[in-house]
Amino acid sequence: MSAVANPADHFERLGLPRRFSLDPAEVERQYLARSRAVHPDFHQESSGGERRASLELSAALNESYAVLKDPFRRAEHLLALLGGPSASDHKQMDPMFLAEMLELREEIEELRQSAGDRAGMESRLAGRRAALFGEVGEHFAKAAGLSEDDPGRAPLLTKVRQRLNALKYVQGLLRDLRAD
């Protein structure tokens, strides 16, 4: 496991609980409430230092919002905060999964050449992505109930990493399917 040295805590910055499952409307509400308070437009009469601080805080809030509203980026961030493995720490993939992804890529190429049913393939891939995100949420929820030194925590965080690595493949296939 590689712990990231004091990464910015986007959850804390937006006043949200450190968990994968978040209400998107609440993320937006917290972002808007905090950004109003620090937005540079409201600090035009302030000193140069206060305006700079306002700009920095506003940029930090924008970054936090961008990370937390995207489930993939939120999961990556939460995994880093919890000291889970990074993508470079854990690269191995299940050979069966890789074979499935290769078959799906071939199907996509055939669909692109024949102008076949892309909507059906997109639905299949979106379903696969949703299932993987569901597994990520389940593993995070289980890990949240364990202390940092619990021996069962590290395997759960490794499973999160495996699902995130798989999500990269599925998202790449969706991107390729939508290309053209």
C-alpha atoms as a PDB file:
ATOM      1  CA  MET A   1       0.000   0.000   0.000  1.00  0.00           C
ATOM      2  CA  SER A   2       1.258   3.443  -0.761  1.00  0.00           C
ATOM      3  CA  ALA A   3      -0.119   6.245   1.327  1.00  0.00           C
ATOM      4  CA  VAL A   4      -0.132   9.629  -0.329  1.00  0.00           C
ATOM      5  CA  ALA A   5       1.606  12.256   1.773  1.00  0.00           C
ATOM      6  CA  ASN A   6      -1.166  14.563   2.996  1.00  0.00           C
ATOM      7  CA  PRO A   7      -3.237  14.884  -0.175  1.00  0.00           C
ATOM      8  CA  ALA A   8      -5.803  17.675  -0.253  1.00  0.00           C
ATOM      9  CA  ASP A   9      -8.973  16.339   1.311  1.00  0.00           C
ATOM     10  CA  HIS A  10     -11.707  17.358  -1.112  1.00  0.00           C
ATOM     11  CA  PHE A  11     -14.353  15.904   1.185  1.00  0.00           C
ATOM     12  CA  GLU A  12     -13.232  18.107   4.069  1.00  0.00           C
ATOM     13  CA  ARG A  13     -12.951  21.140   1.815  1.00  0.00           C
ATOM     14  CA  LEU A  14     -16.622  20.800   0.838  1.00  0.00           C
ATOM     15  CA  GLY A  15     -17.775  19.719   4.299  1.00  0.00           C
ATOM     16  CA  LEU A  16     -18.862  16.277   3.119  1.00  0.00           C
ATOM     17  CA  PRO A  17     -18.399  12.881   4.778  1.00  0.00           C
ATOM     18  CA  ARG A  18     -15.462  10.817   3.554  1.00  0.00           C
ATOM     19  CA  ARG A  19     -17.366   8.135   1.685  1.00  0.00           C
ATOM     20  CA  PHE A  20     -17.855   6.992  -1.878  1.00  0.00           C
ATOM     21  CA  SER A  21     -21.644   7.232  -1.932  1.00  0.00           C
ATOM     22  CA  LEU A  22     -22.576  10.902  -2.045  1.00  0.00           C
ATOM     23  CA  ASP A  23     -25.725  12.688  -3.154  1.00  0.00           C
ATOM     24  CA  PRO A  24     -24.726  14.723  -6.248  1.00  0.00           C
ATOM     25  CA  ALA A  25     -27.190  17.463  -5.269  1.00  0.00           C
ATOM     26  CA  GLU A  26     -25.564  17.752  -1.836  1.00  0.00           C
ATOM     27  CA  VAL A  27     -22.102  17.959  -3.416  1.00  0.00           C
ATOM     28  CA  GLU A  28     -23.346  20.832  -5.564  1.00  0.00           C
ATOM     29  CA  ARG A  29     -25.101  22.562  -2.640  1.00  0.00           C
ATOM     30  CA  GLN A  30     -21.962  22.447  -0.503  1.00  0.00           C
ATOM     31  CA  TYR A  31     -19.823  23.674  -3.377  1.00  0.00           C
ATOM     32  CA  LEU A  32     -22.132  26.599  -4.160  1.00  0.00           C
ATOM     33  CA  ALA A  33     -22.451  27.636  -0.509  1.00  0.00           C
ATOM     34  CA  ARG A  34     -18.697  27.650   0.005  1.00  0.00           C
ATOM     35  CA  SER A  35     -17.837  29.225  -3.332  1.00  0.00           C
ATOM     36  CA  ARG A  36     -20.154  32.171  -2.673  1.00  0.00           C
ATOM     37  CA  ALA A  37     -18.226  32.950   0.497  1.00  0.00           C
ATOM     38  CA  VAL A  38     -14.791  32.975  -1.162  1.00  0.00           C
ATOM     39  CA  HIS A  39     -15.528  33.975  -4.762  1.00  0.00           C
ATOM     40  CA  PRO A  40     -13.130  36.684  -6.000  1.00  0.00           C
ATOM     41  CA  ASP A  41     -16.039  38.862  -7.227  1.00  0.00           C
ATOM     42  CA  PHE A  42     -16.997  39.460  -3.591  1.00  0.00           C
ATOM     43  CA  HIS A  43     -13.446  40.473  -2.641  1.00  0.00           C
ATOM     44  CA  GLN A  44     -12.715  43.176  -5.228  1.00  0.00           C
ATOM     45  CA  GLU A  45     -12.431  45.867  -2.547  1.00  0.00           C
ATOM     46  CA  SER A  46     -10.087  43.722  -0.430  1.00  0.00           C
ATOM     47  CA  SER A  47      -6.323  43.990  -0.234  1.00  0.00           C
ATOM     48  CA  GLY A  48      -4.138  42.256  -2.812  1.00  0.00           C
ATOM     49  CA  GLY A  49      -3.331  39.445  -0.378  1.00  0.00           C
ATOM     50  CA  GLU A  50      -6.981  38.834   0.396  1.00  0.00           C
ATOM     51  CA  ARG A  51      -7.863  38.781  -3.323  1.00  0.00           C
ATOM     52  CA  ARG A  52      -5.053  36.287  -3.980  1.00  0.00           C
ATOM     53  CA  ALA A  53      -6.264  34.139  -1.088  1.00  0.00           C
ATOM     54  CA  SER A  54      -9.800  34.353  -2.474  1.00  0.00           C
ATOM     55  CA  LEU A  55      -8.583  33.225  -5.895  1.00  0.00           C
ATOM     56  CA  GLU A  56      -6.660  30.317  -4.377  1.00  0.00           C
ATOM     57  CA  LEU A  57      -9.600  29.220  -2.225  1.00  0.00           C
ATOM     58  CA  SER A  58     -11.959  29.508  -5.165  1.00  0.00           C
ATOM     59  CA  ALA A  59      -9.639  27.400  -7.344  1.00  0.00           C
ATOM     60  CA  ALA A  60      -9.329  24.795  -4.563  1.00  0.00           C
ATOM     61  CA  LEU A  61     -13.118  24.600  -4.224  1.00  0.00           C
ATOM     62  CA  ASN A  62     -13.483  24.226  -8.001  1.00  0.00           C
ATOM     63  CA  GLU A  63     -10.978  21.370  -7.939  1.00  0.00           C
ATOM     64  CA  SER A  64     -12.774  19.669  -5.039  1.00  0.00           C
ATOM     65  CA  TYR A  65     -16.109  19.970  -6.795  1.00  0.00           C
ATOM     66  CA  ALA A  66     -14.695  18.536 -10.030  1.00  0.00           C
ATOM     67  CA  VAL A  67     -13.217  15.560  -8.167  1.00  0.00           C
ATOM     68  CA  LEU A  68     -16.218  14.763  -5.980  1.00  0.00           C
ATOM     69  CA  LYS A  69     -18.908  15.106  -8.636  1.00  0.00           C
ATOM     70  CA  ASP A  70     -17.183  12.491 -10.825  1.00  0.00           C
ATOM     71  CA  PRO A  71     -17.573   8.995  -9.292  1.00  0.00           C
ATOM     72  CA  PHE A  72     -14.335   7.687 -10.787  1.00  0.00           C
ATOM     73  CA  ARG A  73     -12.238  10.627  -9.605  1.00  0.00           C
ATOM     74  CA  ARG A  74     -14.004  10.547  -6.218  1.00  0.00           C
ATOM     75  CA  ALA A  75     -13.126   6.861  -5.807  1.00  0.00           C
ATOM     76  CA  GLU A  76      -9.504   7.469  -6.801  1.00  0.00           C
ATOM     77  CA  HIS A  77      -9.283  10.328  -4.307  1.00  0.00           C
ATOM     78  CA  LEU A  78     -10.908   8.383  -1.486  1.00  0.00           C
ATOM     79  CA  LEU A  79      -8.661   5.399  -2.134  1.00  0.00           C
ATOM     80  CA  ALA A  80      -5.596   7.666  -1.908  1.00  0.00           C
ATOM     81  CA  LEU A  81      -6.850   9.218   1.339  1.00  0.00           C
ATOM     82  CA  LEU A  82      -7.361   5.754   2.826  1.00  0.00           C
ATOM     83  CA  GLY A  83      -3.845   4.673   1.823  1.00  0.00           C
ATOM     84  CA  GLY A  84      -5.010   2.181  -0.784  1.00  0.00           C
ATOM     85  CA  PRO A  85      -2.861   1.070  -3.707  1.00  0.00           C
ATOM     86  CA  SER A  86      -2.388   3.395  -6.654  1.00  0.00           C
ATOM     87  CA  ALA A  87      -2.869   2.297 -10.244  1.00  0.00           C
ATOM     88  CA  SER A  88       0.904   1.971 -10.597  1.00  0.00           C
ATOM     89  CA  ASP A  89       1.114  -0.103  -7.385  1.00  0.00           C
ATOM     90  CA  HIS A  90      -1.457  -2.619  -8.574  1.00  0.00           C
ATOM     91  CA  LYS A  91      -1.527  -3.237 -12.315  1.00  0.00           C
ATOM     92  CA  GLN A  92      -2.410  -6.913 -12.632  1.00  0.00           C
ATOM     93  CA  MET A  93      -5.766  -7.742 -14.125  1.00  0.00           C
ATOM     94  CA  ASP A  94      -7.741 -10.961 -14.208  1.00  0.00           C
ATOM     95  CA  PRO A  95      -6.929 -12.741 -17.502  1.00  0.00           C
ATOM     96  CA  MET A  96     -10.618 -13.600 -17.975  1.00  0.00           C
ATOM     97  CA  PHE A  97     -11.535  -9.929 -17.678  1.00  0.00           C
ATOM     98  CA  LEU A  98      -8.842  -8.948 -20.183  1.00  0.00           C
ATOM     99  CA  ALA A  99     -10.091 -11.603 -22.629  1.00  0.00           C
ATOM    100  CA  GLU A 100     -13.631 -10.232 -22.243  1.00  0.00           C
ATOM    101  CA  MET A 101     -12.413  -6.683 -22.902  1.00  0.00           C
ATOM    102  CA  LEU A 102     -10.582  -7.854 -26.023  1.00  0.00           C
ATOM    103  CA  GLU A 103     -13.753  -9.531 -27.293  1.00  0.00           C
ATOM    104  CA  LEU A 104     -15.783  -6.382 -26.597  1.00  0.00           C
ATOM    105  CA  ARG A 105     -13.199  -4.257 -28.406  1.00  0.00           C
ATOM    106  CA  GLU A 106     -13.474  -6.557 -31.426  1.00  0.00           C
ATOM    107  CA  GLU A 107     -17.278  -6.291 -31.307  1.00  0.00           C
ATOM    108  CA  ILE A 108     -16.990  -2.511 -31.215  1.00  0.00           C
ATOM    109  CA  GLU A 109     -14.737  -2.529 -34.257  1.00  0.00           C
ATOM    110  CA  GLU A 110     -17.238  -4.707 -36.110  1.00  0.00           C
ATOM    111  CA  LEU A 111     -20.071  -2.340 -35.123  1.00  0.00           C
ATOM    112  CA  ARG A 112     -18.085   0.655 -36.329  1.00  0.00           C
ATOM    113  CA  GLN A 113     -17.438  -0.961 -39.687  1.00  0.00           C
ATOM    114  CA  SER A 114     -20.959  -2.256 -40.222  1.00  0.00           C
ATOM    115  CA  ALA A 115     -22.923   0.592 -38.634  1.00  0.00           C
ATOM    116  CA  GLY A 116     -24.482  -1.983 -36.301  1.00  0.00           C
ATOM    117  CA  ASP A 117     -26.416  -1.510 -33.068  1.00  0.00           C
ATOM    118  CA  ARG A 118     -24.163   0.809 -31.093  1.00  0.00           C
ATOM    119  CA  ALA A 119     -26.977   1.646 -28.677  1.00  0.00           C
ATOM    120  CA  GLY A 120     -27.190  -1.967 -27.534  1.00  0.00           C
ATOM    121  CA  MET A 121     -23.449  -2.162 -26.986  1.00  0.00           C
ATOM    122  CA  GLU A 122     -23.459   1.167 -25.180  1.00  0.00           C
ATOM    123  CA  SER A 123     -26.204  -0.128 -22.892  1.00  0.00           C
ATOM    124  CA  ARG A 124     -24.200  -3.288 -22.125  1.00  0.00           C
ATOM    125  CA  LEU A 125     -21.069  -1.285 -21.335  1.00  0.00           C
ATOM    126  CA  ALA A 126     -22.981   1.246 -19.238  1.00  0.00           C
ATOM    127  CA  GLY A 127     -24.476  -1.639 -17.269  1.00  0.00           C
ATOM    128  CA  ARG A 128     -21.033  -3.119 -16.737  1.00  0.00           C
ATOM    129  CA  ARG A 129     -19.723   0.271 -15.592  1.00  0.00           C
ATOM    130  CA  ALA A 130     -22.629   0.681 -13.166  1.00  0.00           C
ATOM    131  CA  ALA A 131     -22.002  -2.797 -11.716  1.00  0.00           C
ATOM    132  CA  LEU A 132     -18.322  -2.006 -11.203  1.00  0.00           C
ATOM    133  CA  PHE A 133     -19.178   1.286  -9.476  1.00  0.00           C
ATOM    134  CA  GLY A 134     -21.594  -0.670  -7.272  1.00  0.00           C
ATOM    135  CA  GLU A 135     -18.791  -3.024  -6.264  1.00  0.00           C
ATOM    136  CA  VAL A 136     -16.504  -0.062  -5.559  1.00  0.00           C
ATOM    137  CA  GLY A 137     -19.152   1.380  -3.249  1.00  0.00           C
ATOM    138  CA  GLU A 138     -19.653  -1.938  -1.455  1.00  0.00           C
ATOM    139  CA  HIS A 139     -15.924  -2.408  -0.844  1.00  0.00           C
ATOM    140  CA  PHE A 140     -15.524   1.159   0.395  1.00  0.00           C
ATOM    141  CA  ALA A 141     -18.493   0.738   2.746  1.00  0.00           C
ATOM    142  CA  LYS A 142     -17.008  -2.450   4.194  1.00  0.00           C
ATOM    143  CA  ALA A 143     -13.565  -0.840   4.569  1.00  0.00           C
ATOM    144  CA  ALA A 144     -15.099   2.176   6.341  1.00  0.00           C
ATOM    145  CA  GLY A 145     -16.240  -0.096   9.154  1.00  0.00           C
ATOM    146  CA  LEU A 146     -12.694  -1.322   9.801  1.00  0.00           C
ATOM    147  CA  SER A 147      -9.847   0.352  11.636  1.00  0.00           C
ATOM    148  CA  GLU A 148      -6.645   1.223   9.773  1.00  0.00           C
ATOM    149  CA  ASP A 149      -4.792  -1.679  11.358  1.00  0.00           C
ATOM    150  CA  ASP A 150      -7.509  -4.277  10.712  1.00  0.00           C
ATOM    151  CA  PRO A 151      -6.022  -6.994   8.475  1.00  0.00           C
ATOM    152  CA  GLY A 152      -9.239  -7.153   6.436  1.00  0.00           C
ATOM    153  CA  ARG A 153      -9.002  -3.512   5.331  1.00  0.00           C
ATOM    154  CA  ALA A 154      -6.071  -3.777   2.900  1.00  0.00           C
ATOM    155  CA  PRO A 155      -7.669  -6.547   0.800  1.00  0.00           C
ATOM    156  CA  LEU A 156     -10.857  -4.473   0.483  1.00  0.00           C
ATOM    157  CA  LEU A 157      -8.881  -1.447  -0.704  1.00  0.00           C
ATOM    158  CA  THR A 158      -7.040  -3.694  -3.176  1.00  0.00           C
ATOM    159  CA  LYS A 159     -10.420  -4.859  -4.499  1.00  0.00           C
ATOM    160  CA  VAL A 160     -11.398  -1.200  -4.952  1.00  0.00           C
ATOM    161  CA  ARG A 161      -8.198  -0.677  -6.969  1.00  0.00           C
ATOM    162  CA  GLN A 162      -8.952  -3.730  -9.103  1.00  0.00           C
ATOM    163  CA  ARG A 163     -12.450  -2.441  -9.873  1.00  0.00           C
ATOM    164  CA  LEU A 164     -11.111   1.030 -10.685  1.00  0.00           C
ATOM    165  CA  ASN A 165      -8.569  -0.491 -13.062  1.00  0.00           C
ATOM    166  CA  ALA A 166     -11.398  -2.455 -14.696  1.00  0.00           C
ATOM    167  CA  LEU A 167     -13.489   0.714 -14.922  1.00  0.00           C
ATOM    168  CA  LYS A 168     -10.706   2.355 -16.938  1.00  0.00           C
ATOM    169  CA  TYR A 169     -11.037  -0.406 -19.525  1.00  0.00           C
ATOM    170  CA  VAL A 170     -14.821  -0.163 -19.681  1.00  0.00           C
ATOM    171  CA  GLN A 171     -14.750   3.640 -19.882  1.00  0.00           C
ATOM    172  CA  GLY A 172     -12.193   3.384 -22.678  1.00  0.00           C
ATOM    173  CA  LEU A 173     -14.472   1.042 -24.596  1.00  0.00           C
ATOM    174  CA  LEU A 174     -17.397   3.444 -24.148  1.00  0.00           C
ATOM    175  CA  ARG A 175     -15.240   6.313 -25.375  1.00  0.00           C
ATOM    176  CA  ASP A 176     -14.152   4.284 -28.417  1.00  0.00           C
ATOM    177  CA  LEU A 177     -17.734   3.249 -29.154  1.00  0.00           C
ATOM    178  CA  ARG A 178     -18.875   6.882 -29.097  1.00  0.00           C
ATOM    179  CA  ALA A 179     -16.003   8.073 -31.302  1.00  0.00           C
ATOM    180  CA  ASP A 180     -16.717   9.086 -34.905  1.00  0.00           C
END
